[in-house]
Structure formats: C-alpha cells, structure tokens
Amino acid sequence: MLDLPTQKTSKSPAMSLQDIKALAQQLEPGISLAEYLNQLVAFGFFKALLPEKHGGSGIATDAVRAPDCMDFLRILGNKDLSLGRCIEGHINVIRLMYLYATPAQFAAFAMAVQDGALAGIWVTDSSSPVHLKEYTLSGVKGFGSAIHLAQWALITAQSEADESLMLFVRVGDKQRIGPGPGTLSGMRESDTGSYDFNGLEISPEAIIGQPGDYLRQPEFSAGAWRGSAVALGGIDRLVDLLRHELRVRHRTGSPFQQERVGHAMIARETAAMWTARAAMIAYDRTQETGDLSAIVNFARIAVEQAGLQIITLVQRGLGLSAFLQNNPVEKTMRDLAVYLRQPAPDETLTEAAVWFIDREPPVAGWMS
C-alpha cells in the first residue's frame, strides 16, 4: 500500500457555489502561497474537492460540479494566478487518481488530501528524463510548481518496456529540490523548480493505472479547460484594476478610456462563455473525443486572445504607471502574460478548426 495516512473518512455538508464564493472572499490578499494554501485547507476547500464518497463535495471529480469548479478556479486566479496554478495542478491530480487509481489507492490518497496534503503534477522532464527500472527511479523533473510545498506528486516515467507510466510518489526531500530552467518574469510565486528522483525507490502500489493513461483521451485534452478558468480569473483581476485606476484618476469621462473598458469587458465575457462551454462539455463521454478536444482548445485560444488584448488595453489606458513595480497592475500583467504561454497555440487553433470544417459543433455544452 501507499504510505499514506489512514483514518476514518468523515462526511460534511456539500459545499455549494455560494459557500465557495463566501469563503473565497475571506482569503487574505497579498499573502504567501503557503499561507493561501493553509487558509484553503482551514476553510475546507481541499476536502470539498474530493468525491462525496470520500467526505467531499465532488468539485474536482463530478460532472455536475464542473461549473462550480470553474468558478472556484476563476476566483483563485483572481486572488493570485500562482495560487490558481498550484490548485489547478492539485485538482488535475485528484481527477486523474479518480479515473485511473484503484479504489484502495484513491481511498488512501483522499485521506492525505483531507489532512491538507498538496499534490503536484510534475510531468515535464529535464535533460535527464525520469525512468523506472526494478522499482527504482532515475532522472529529474525539470519544471514543477509548488516544489517546496507539495507533499506528493503525480509524475510520468518511462518503463523498461519504454512505456509511459503514471506514478504517485512522496516528495518534499529538500536535498532533491533544485532550481528550475531559469527565472521567469512572471508567476514567480508559483514556487517552480526541479526535483531529482535519482535512486528513489517506490512500491508497486505507486504505479497508477495502465501504461499510457496520462495521455489517454479524451481526459488529456478535455481537462485543459481548468487552466483556462484560472487564466480567466487573472483577466478578471486586470479588468477590475483598469476600472479602479480610471476611477481614481477621474478618467472615466474620456470616450477613449470608455472604449477601452468596453473592449475589455467584451473580450472577458467572450473568454468566459467559451470556458463555461468547455467546462460543461469536458465530462460528457457521449461526445466524440475530437469534439471535446476542439471545444476545449477553442476556449484556450479565446482566453489567450482576451488576455493579450486586455493587457494591451491596460497598457495604453494607464501608460507608464502600469509598469511601476509597486503597482498591482504590473504584477498582474506579468503573471498573466506568463500564464497564457501554453504550448503550441497555432497548432491548437488550426487542429480545432480543421476538426469542425466538415462537422457541426455539438449542441451539448451551450448555455441556455
């Protein structure tokens, strides 16, 4: 068995969207990532992410809670994009464990989450990829978020048969933590670094699912909507800051500033509608995998375009003050610009477009 805590699962009332919003308002602004995580645990958010069977509210696992999961991640992205990134990864781990772990593996994992354990999803290899040979690991993961704060990580490793495996392993050994590939201009609070797995021994129970499960469709592509939800929260924050700055400067009467706010609001709502559409369809296994992937990819591009457009509008509307390091606008723009840099945007757009050239988009997922 995995070396995880064992205790009786306690059930609590399901956390509603209203509960999420009310508790999120109590998160203190401007605190460290570790302090944010402690508050989320104290408010019951970690527990609420789990399925009801394991004492939670199903926010990370249940299709019916997808809109609530979207709002939760959006709220966290608004508070701090680095916080949103870490929790999005944690939710990704919960979802993958829910789909591919054995009941015993998931039950043990759920106990750790109830106790406040943060799980990272570290799948990006360094120049020394991670391999598994006779239950001993070698290699380094080069780009992991919450590298000093995560107690557990879901990682990928190549087996002796050259198959990709998912492993759930204990992390937190400070001697194994190293710097990442370099200092990013934004998202610096996400605690990104590398982790050396050389010589780490695992048990057979640490292997999750079957070879190739991490890249298995439709989950691999469909789950990307959660990152869009986090980015949408950063967009919310930037639009709010623009409006606030214009009010403080008594510039709301300028037709040029009004035009900028109007364009920003339209871009934000367009991104929000696409993200909501993606969240609603992502769990629908009656849809073709290509439909799910294409809709989620369109949402990702819509969010990216909105974010980049709004950054430009803010820079033009606020001028040099938007670049002052003591102005929260500057940090929000910097974090958002980095967070939006997801891989292969051109390919993402064209693949989705090609899919629907000869097909009608599915009706499922459109908001009534």
Protein backbone atom coordinates (compact mmCIF):
# COMPACT_ATOMS: atom_id res chain seq x y z
CA MET A 1 0.00 0.00 0.00
CA LEU A 2 0.96 3.61 -0.41
CA ASP A 3 2.47 5.12 2.73
CA LEU A 4 -0.45 7.47 3.30
CA PRO A 5 -2.42 8.41 6.43
CA THR A 6 -5.23 6.10 7.49
CA GLN A 7 -8.18 7.49 9.34
CA LYS A 8 -11.94 7.27 9.16
CA THR A 9 -13.45 9.34 6.37
CA SER A 10 -15.81 11.96 7.79
CA LYS A 11 -18.58 13.40 5.69
CA SER A 12 -19.58 17.04 5.83
CA PRO A 13 -22.34 19.03 4.13
CA ALA A 14 -21.71 19.59 0.42
CA MET A 15 -20.05 22.92 -0.34
CA SER A 16 -22.27 25.00 -2.62
CA LEU A 17 -21.19 27.66 -5.08
CA GLN A 18 -22.43 30.27 -2.62
CA ASP A 19 -20.23 28.70 0.06
CA ILE A 20 -17.24 28.79 -2.29
CA LYS A 21 -17.73 32.47 -3.08
CA ALA A 22 -18.33 33.44 0.54
CA LEU A 23 -15.28 31.60 1.84
CA ALA A 24 -13.08 32.82 -1.01
CA GLN A 25 -13.85 36.39 -0.02
CA GLN A 26 -12.19 35.63 3.32
CA LEU A 27 -8.85 34.77 1.70
CA GLU A 28 -6.43 37.48 2.71
CA PRO A 29 -4.90 39.41 -0.21
CA GLY A 30 -1.17 39.60 -0.77
CA ILE A 31 -0.09 36.71 1.45
CA SER A 32 2.38 33.95 0.57
CA LEU A 33 1.48 30.84 -1.37
CA ALA A 34 1.96 28.71 1.75
CA GLU A 35 -0.40 30.95 3.73
CA TYR A 36 -3.00 30.80 0.96
CA LEU A 37 -2.84 27.00 0.96
CA ASN A 38 -3.21 26.87 4.74
CA GLN A 39 -6.31 29.05 4.51
CA LEU A 40 -7.82 26.84 1.79
CA VAL A 41 -7.32 23.79 3.99
CA ALA A 42 -8.77 25.56 7.03
CA PHE A 43 -11.85 26.67 5.08
CA GLY A 44 -12.49 23.11 3.90
CA PHE A 45 -11.68 23.62 0.23
CA PHE A 46 -9.27 20.68 -0.04
CA LYS A 47 -11.87 18.33 1.40
CA ALA A 48 -14.61 19.73 -0.84
CA LEU A 49 -12.63 18.79 -3.95
CA LEU A 50 -13.00 15.07 -3.18
CA PRO A 51 -15.97 12.88 -4.17
CA GLU A 52 -18.85 12.66 -1.70
CA LYS A 53 -17.93 9.03 -1.02
CA HIS A 54 -14.69 10.31 0.47
CA GLY A 55 -16.21 13.10 2.52
CA GLY A 56 -16.07 15.86 -0.10
CA SER A 57 -18.41 17.71 -2.43
CA GLY A 58 -17.16 16.34 -5.76
CA ILE A 59 -15.93 19.69 -7.05
CA ALA A 60 -12.84 18.17 -8.70
CA THR A 61 -14.42 14.93 -9.87
CA ASP A 62 -18.12 15.18 -10.64
CA ALA A 63 -19.52 16.39 -13.97
CA VAL A 64 -22.41 18.16 -12.27
CA ARG A 65 -19.93 20.27 -10.26
CA ALA A 66 -17.89 21.39 -13.30
CA PRO A 67 -19.43 24.92 -13.30
CA ASP A 68 -18.57 25.23 -9.60
CA CYS A 69 -15.03 24.01 -10.24
CA MET A 70 -14.71 26.63 -12.96
CA ASP A 71 -15.89 29.39 -10.63
CA PHE A 72 -13.60 28.14 -7.85
CA LEU A 73 -10.53 28.25 -10.11
CA ARG A 74 -11.59 31.59 -11.55
CA ILE A 75 -11.85 33.06 -8.05
CA LEU A 76 -8.42 31.72 -7.12
CA GLY A 77 -6.90 33.10 -10.33
CA ASN A 78 -8.36 36.47 -9.43
CA LYS A 79 -6.77 36.29 -5.98
CA ASP A 80 -3.38 35.14 -7.26
CA LEU A 81 -2.51 33.36 -10.50
CA SER A 82 0.28 31.39 -8.83
CA LEU A 83 -2.19 30.09 -6.26
CA GLY A 84 -4.61 29.20 -9.05
CA ARG A 85 -1.88 27.35 -10.94
CA CYS A 86 -0.97 25.21 -7.93
CA ILE A 87 -4.57 24.34 -7.10
CA GLU A 88 -5.34 23.60 -10.76
CA GLY A 89 -2.50 21.08 -10.70
CA HIS A 90 -3.80 19.63 -7.42
CA ILE A 91 -7.26 19.24 -8.97
CA ASN A 92 -5.72 17.60 -12.03
CA VAL A 93 -4.09 15.02 -9.76
CA ILE A 94 -7.39 14.35 -7.97
CA ARG A 95 -9.17 13.88 -11.28
CA LEU A 96 -6.51 11.52 -12.69
CA MET A 97 -6.40 9.50 -9.48
CA TYR A 98 -10.20 9.32 -9.52
CA LEU A 99 -10.16 7.96 -13.08
CA TYR A 100 -7.19 5.61 -13.01
CA ALA A 101 -6.25 4.65 -9.44
CA THR A 102 -7.63 1.55 -7.77
CA PRO A 103 -10.29 2.11 -5.07
CA ALA A 104 -7.70 1.36 -2.40
CA GLN A 105 -5.17 3.76 -3.92
CA PHE A 106 -7.73 6.55 -4.18
CA ALA A 107 -9.04 6.00 -0.65
CA ALA A 108 -5.53 6.34 0.76
CA PHE A 109 -4.88 9.41 -1.38
CA ALA A 110 -8.17 11.00 -0.27
CA MET A 111 -7.09 10.64 3.36
CA ALA A 112 -3.95 12.62 2.62
CA VAL A 113 -5.94 15.36 0.88
CA GLN A 114 -8.34 15.55 3.82
CA ASP A 115 -5.30 16.06 6.04
CA GLY A 116 -4.28 19.03 3.87
CA ALA A 117 -1.66 17.40 1.63
CA LEU A 118 -0.96 19.28 -1.61
CA ALA A 119 -0.27 17.17 -4.70
CA GLY A 120 1.72 18.45 -7.65
CA ILE A 121 1.57 17.21 -11.20
CA TRP A 122 5.15 17.13 -12.43
CA VAL A 123 5.35 15.71 -15.94
CA THR A 124 7.96 17.93 -17.60
CA ASP A 125 11.32 16.19 -17.81
CA SER A 126 14.68 17.89 -17.66
CA SER A 127 17.53 16.94 -19.99
CA SER A 128 17.64 13.76 -17.87
CA PRO A 129 14.17 12.14 -18.30
CA VAL A 130 12.71 10.08 -15.48
CA HIS A 131 12.87 6.28 -15.91
CA LEU A 132 11.70 3.39 -13.76
CA LYS A 133 13.79 0.23 -13.53
CA GLU A 134 13.05 -2.50 -11.00
CA TYR A 135 11.05 -0.04 -8.86
CA THR A 136 13.92 2.43 -8.66
CA LEU A 137 13.69 5.83 -10.33
CA SER A 138 16.33 7.77 -12.19
CA GLY A 139 16.17 11.21 -13.77
CA VAL A 140 14.94 14.70 -12.95
CA LYS A 141 11.64 16.51 -13.41
CA GLY A 142 12.63 19.97 -14.54
CA PHE A 143 9.58 22.15 -14.09
CA GLY A 144 7.32 21.53 -11.08
CA SER A 145 5.03 24.02 -9.35
CA ALA A 146 4.85 24.19 -5.53
CA ILE A 147 8.17 22.37 -5.49
CA HIS A 148 8.80 23.17 -1.79
CA LEU A 149 5.17 22.81 -0.67
CA ALA A 150 3.84 19.66 -2.33
CA GLN A 151 3.95 16.53 -0.19
CA TRP A 152 3.02 14.22 -3.06
CA ALA A 153 3.42 14.35 -6.83
CA LEU A 154 1.92 12.55 -9.78
CA ILE A 155 4.75 12.08 -12.25
CA THR A 156 5.35 10.29 -15.52
CA ALA A 157 8.22 7.86 -16.06
CA GLN A 158 9.36 5.59 -18.85
CA SER A 159 9.36 1.90 -18.00
CA GLU A 160 11.92 -0.69 -19.05
CA ALA A 161 9.48 -1.58 -21.84
CA ASP A 162 9.60 2.07 -22.97
CA GLU A 163 6.01 2.67 -21.88
CA SER A 164 4.83 5.84 -20.14
CA LEU A 165 3.68 5.21 -16.58
CA MET A 166 1.98 7.42 -14.01
CA LEU A 167 3.49 7.22 -10.54
CA PHE A 168 2.21 8.74 -7.31
CA VAL A 169 5.21 9.38 -5.10
CA ARG A 170 6.06 11.15 -1.88
CA VAL A 171 8.14 14.28 -2.39
CA GLY A 172 9.39 17.03 -0.12
CA ASP A 173 13.01 15.99 0.35
CA LYS A 174 14.75 19.37 0.31
CA GLN A 175 18.00 17.75 -0.80
CA ARG A 176 16.35 16.70 -4.06
CA ILE A 177 14.96 20.15 -4.92
CA GLY A 178 16.84 22.26 -7.42
CA PRO A 179 16.28 25.41 -9.45
CA GLY A 180 14.06 25.42 -12.50
CA PRO A 181 15.27 26.21 -16.02
CA GLY A 182 15.56 29.90 -15.17
CA THR A 183 13.83 32.85 -13.52
CA LEU A 184 10.52 33.68 -15.16
CA SER A 185 9.39 37.28 -15.48
CA GLY A 186 6.01 36.34 -14.02
CA MET A 187 4.39 33.61 -11.90
CA ARG A 188 7.37 33.78 -9.55
CA GLU A 189 5.24 32.91 -6.52
CA SER A 190 4.29 29.52 -8.00
CA ASP A 191 7.42 28.03 -6.38
CA THR A 192 8.68 26.40 -9.56
CA GLY A 193 11.76 24.20 -9.52
CA SER A 194 13.22 20.81 -10.37
CA TYR A 195 13.13 17.56 -8.44
CA ASP A 196 15.80 14.87 -8.57
CA PHE A 197 14.32 11.36 -8.47
CA ASN A 198 17.62 9.51 -8.90
CA GLY A 199 17.78 6.48 -6.62
CA LEU A 200 14.26 6.91 -5.21
CA GLU A 201 12.66 3.51 -4.61
CA ILE A 202 8.91 3.04 -5.00
CA SER A 203 6.46 0.25 -4.24
CA PRO A 204 4.32 -1.45 -6.92
CA GLU A 205 1.30 0.35 -5.43
CA ALA A 206 2.78 3.69 -6.52
CA ILE A 207 2.02 2.83 -10.15
CA ILE A 208 -1.31 4.40 -11.13
CA GLY A 209 -3.45 2.91 -13.89
CA GLN A 210 -2.12 1.35 -17.08
CA PRO A 211 0.72 2.39 -19.39
CA GLY A 212 -0.28 5.40 -21.47
CA ASP A 213 -3.11 6.54 -19.18
CA TYR A 214 -1.70 10.04 -18.67
CA LEU A 215 -2.04 10.82 -22.39
CA ARG A 216 -5.27 8.87 -22.78
CA GLN A 217 -8.06 10.73 -24.50
CA PRO A 218 -10.41 12.39 -24.00
CA GLU A 219 -9.25 13.33 -20.49
CA PHE A 220 -5.80 14.53 -21.54
CA SER A 221 -7.21 17.22 -23.83
CA ALA A 222 -10.57 17.82 -22.14
CA GLY A 223 -9.01 18.65 -18.76
CA ALA A 224 -7.20 21.69 -20.18
CA TRP A 225 -10.28 23.85 -19.56
CA ARG A 226 -9.27 24.17 -15.91
CA GLY A 227 -6.16 26.16 -16.82
CA SER A 228 -8.36 28.48 -18.87
CA ALA A 229 -10.54 29.03 -15.81
CA VAL A 230 -7.51 30.11 -13.76
CA ALA A 231 -6.37 32.50 -16.51
CA LEU A 232 -9.89 33.91 -16.67
CA GLY A 233 -9.53 34.87 -13.01
CA GLY A 234 -6.36 36.80 -13.87
CA ILE A 235 -8.28 38.56 -16.64
CA ASP A 236 -11.00 39.46 -14.13
CA ARG A 237 -8.38 40.97 -11.86
CA LEU A 238 -6.84 43.03 -14.64
CA VAL A 239 -10.19 44.40 -15.83
CA ASP A 240 -11.10 45.34 -12.25
CA LEU A 241 -7.76 47.10 -11.79
CA LEU A 242 -8.21 49.04 -15.03
CA ARG A 243 -11.64 50.26 -13.96
CA HIS A 244 -10.36 51.13 -10.49
CA GLU A 245 -7.38 53.11 -11.81
CA LEU A 246 -9.59 55.09 -14.18
CA ARG A 247 -12.00 55.96 -11.37
CA VAL A 248 -9.17 57.06 -9.07
CA ARG A 249 -7.72 59.27 -11.82
CA HIS A 250 -11.12 60.70 -12.72
CA ARG A 251 -10.67 59.49 -16.29
CA THR A 252 -13.98 57.66 -16.63
CA GLY A 253 -15.42 60.51 -18.70
CA SER A 254 -12.90 60.05 -21.51
CA PRO A 255 -14.52 58.40 -24.55
CA PHE A 256 -11.20 56.75 -25.38
CA GLN A 257 -11.00 55.15 -21.93
CA GLN A 258 -14.65 54.16 -22.15
CA GLU A 259 -13.89 52.42 -25.44
CA ARG A 260 -11.01 50.53 -23.83
CA VAL A 261 -13.19 49.38 -20.94
CA GLY A 262 -15.88 48.31 -23.38
CA HIS A 263 -13.48 46.24 -25.45
CA ALA A 264 -12.02 44.70 -22.28
CA MET A 265 -15.46 43.72 -20.99
CA ILE A 266 -16.44 42.15 -24.31
CA ALA A 267 -13.19 40.20 -24.52
CA ARG A 268 -13.55 38.96 -20.96
CA GLU A 269 -17.12 37.78 -21.41
CA THR A 270 -16.26 36.06 -24.68
CA ALA A 271 -13.50 34.17 -22.91
CA ALA A 272 -15.83 33.35 -20.01
CA MET A 273 -18.51 31.92 -22.30
CA TRP A 274 -16.03 29.72 -24.14
CA THR A 275 -14.57 28.48 -20.85
CA ALA A 276 -18.02 27.70 -19.46
CA ARG A 277 -18.83 25.82 -22.66
CA ALA A 278 -15.63 23.80 -22.34
CA ALA A 279 -16.27 23.02 -18.66
CA MET A 280 -19.79 21.78 -19.40
CA ILE A 281 -18.81 19.50 -22.28
CA ALA A 282 -15.49 18.21 -20.93
CA TYR A 283 -17.10 15.47 -18.83
CA ASP A 284 -19.64 14.39 -21.46
CA ARG A 285 -18.43 10.98 -22.61
CA THR A 286 -21.31 10.70 -25.10
CA GLN A 287 -19.48 13.22 -27.29
CA GLU A 288 -16.73 12.35 -29.74
CA THR A 289 -13.23 12.85 -28.39
CA GLY A 290 -12.46 15.21 -31.27
CA ASP A 291 -15.44 17.40 -30.37
CA LEU A 292 -14.36 17.63 -26.74
CA SER A 293 -10.76 18.43 -27.61
CA ALA A 294 -11.67 21.04 -30.21
CA ILE A 295 -14.12 22.90 -27.95
CA VAL A 296 -11.60 22.97 -25.09
CA ASN A 297 -8.89 24.15 -27.48
CA PHE A 298 -11.11 26.94 -28.81
CA ALA A 299 -11.72 28.01 -25.21
CA ARG A 300 -8.00 28.07 -24.55
CA ILE A 301 -7.37 30.29 -27.58
CA ALA A 302 -10.31 32.57 -26.70
CA VAL A 303 -8.84 33.09 -23.22
CA GLU A 304 -5.36 33.70 -24.60
CA GLN A 305 -6.62 36.26 -27.12
CA ALA A 306 -8.71 38.02 -24.49
CA GLY A 307 -5.82 38.17 -22.04
CA LEU A 308 -3.35 39.56 -24.56
CA GLN A 309 -5.89 42.10 -25.84
CA ILE A 310 -6.71 43.29 -22.33
CA ILE A 311 -3.03 43.60 -21.40
CA THR A 312 -2.58 45.92 -24.39
CA LEU A 313 -5.70 47.91 -23.49
CA VAL A 314 -4.46 48.34 -19.91
CA GLN A 315 -1.02 49.45 -21.03
CA ARG A 316 -2.46 52.02 -23.42
CA GLY A 317 -5.07 53.19 -20.94
CA LEU A 318 -2.80 53.58 -17.91
CA GLY A 319 0.50 54.41 -19.60
CA LEU A 320 3.81 54.10 -17.78
CA SER A 321 2.14 53.75 -14.39
CA ALA A 322 1.10 50.24 -15.42
CA PHE A 323 4.79 49.32 -15.48
CA LEU A 324 5.62 50.56 -11.97
CA GLN A 325 6.63 47.61 -9.83
CA ASN A 326 4.71 48.92 -6.82
CA ASN A 327 1.51 48.96 -8.87
CA PRO A 328 -0.52 45.71 -8.65
CA VAL A 329 -1.36 46.18 -12.32
CA GLU A 330 2.26 45.49 -13.26
CA LYS A 331 2.43 42.18 -11.40
CA THR A 332 -0.96 41.04 -12.69
CA MET A 333 0.04 41.76 -16.30
CA ARG A 334 3.36 40.00 -15.84
CA ASP A 335 1.82 36.92 -14.24
CA LEU A 336 -0.98 36.73 -16.81
CA ALA A 337 1.39 37.08 -19.76
CA VAL A 338 3.46 34.15 -18.49
CA TYR A 339 0.47 32.00 -17.58
CA LEU A 340 -1.03 32.43 -21.04
CA ARG A 341 2.11 30.95 -22.64
CA GLN A 342 0.74 27.47 -23.11
CA PRO A 343 2.37 25.21 -25.71
CA ALA A 344 1.64 25.23 -29.46
CA PRO A 345 -1.14 27.86 -29.70
CA ASP A 346 -1.09 27.89 -33.51
CA GLU A 347 -1.40 24.13 -33.74
CA THR A 348 -4.11 24.17 -31.07
CA LEU A 349 -6.21 26.60 -33.10
CA THR A 350 -5.74 25.02 -36.50
CA GLU A 351 -6.38 21.47 -35.29
CA ALA A 352 -9.66 22.57 -33.70
CA ALA A 353 -10.64 24.50 -36.82
CA VAL A 354 -9.89 21.57 -39.13
CA TRP A 355 -11.99 19.27 -36.96
CA PHE A 356 -15.10 21.41 -37.42
CA ILE A 357 -14.69 22.34 -41.09
CA ASP A 358 -16.71 19.28 -42.12
CA ARG A 359 -18.59 18.77 -38.85
CA GLU A 360 -21.17 20.73 -36.92
CA PRO A 361 -20.19 21.63 -33.34
CA PRO A 362 -22.10 19.60 -30.75
CA VAL A 363 -25.15 21.16 -29.14
CA ALA A 364 -24.20 19.86 -25.69
CA GLY A 365 -22.49 22.44 -23.57
CA TRP A 366 -24.15 25.55 -24.97
CA MET A 367 -25.70 27.58 -22.20
CA SER A 368 -29.47 28.03 -22.47
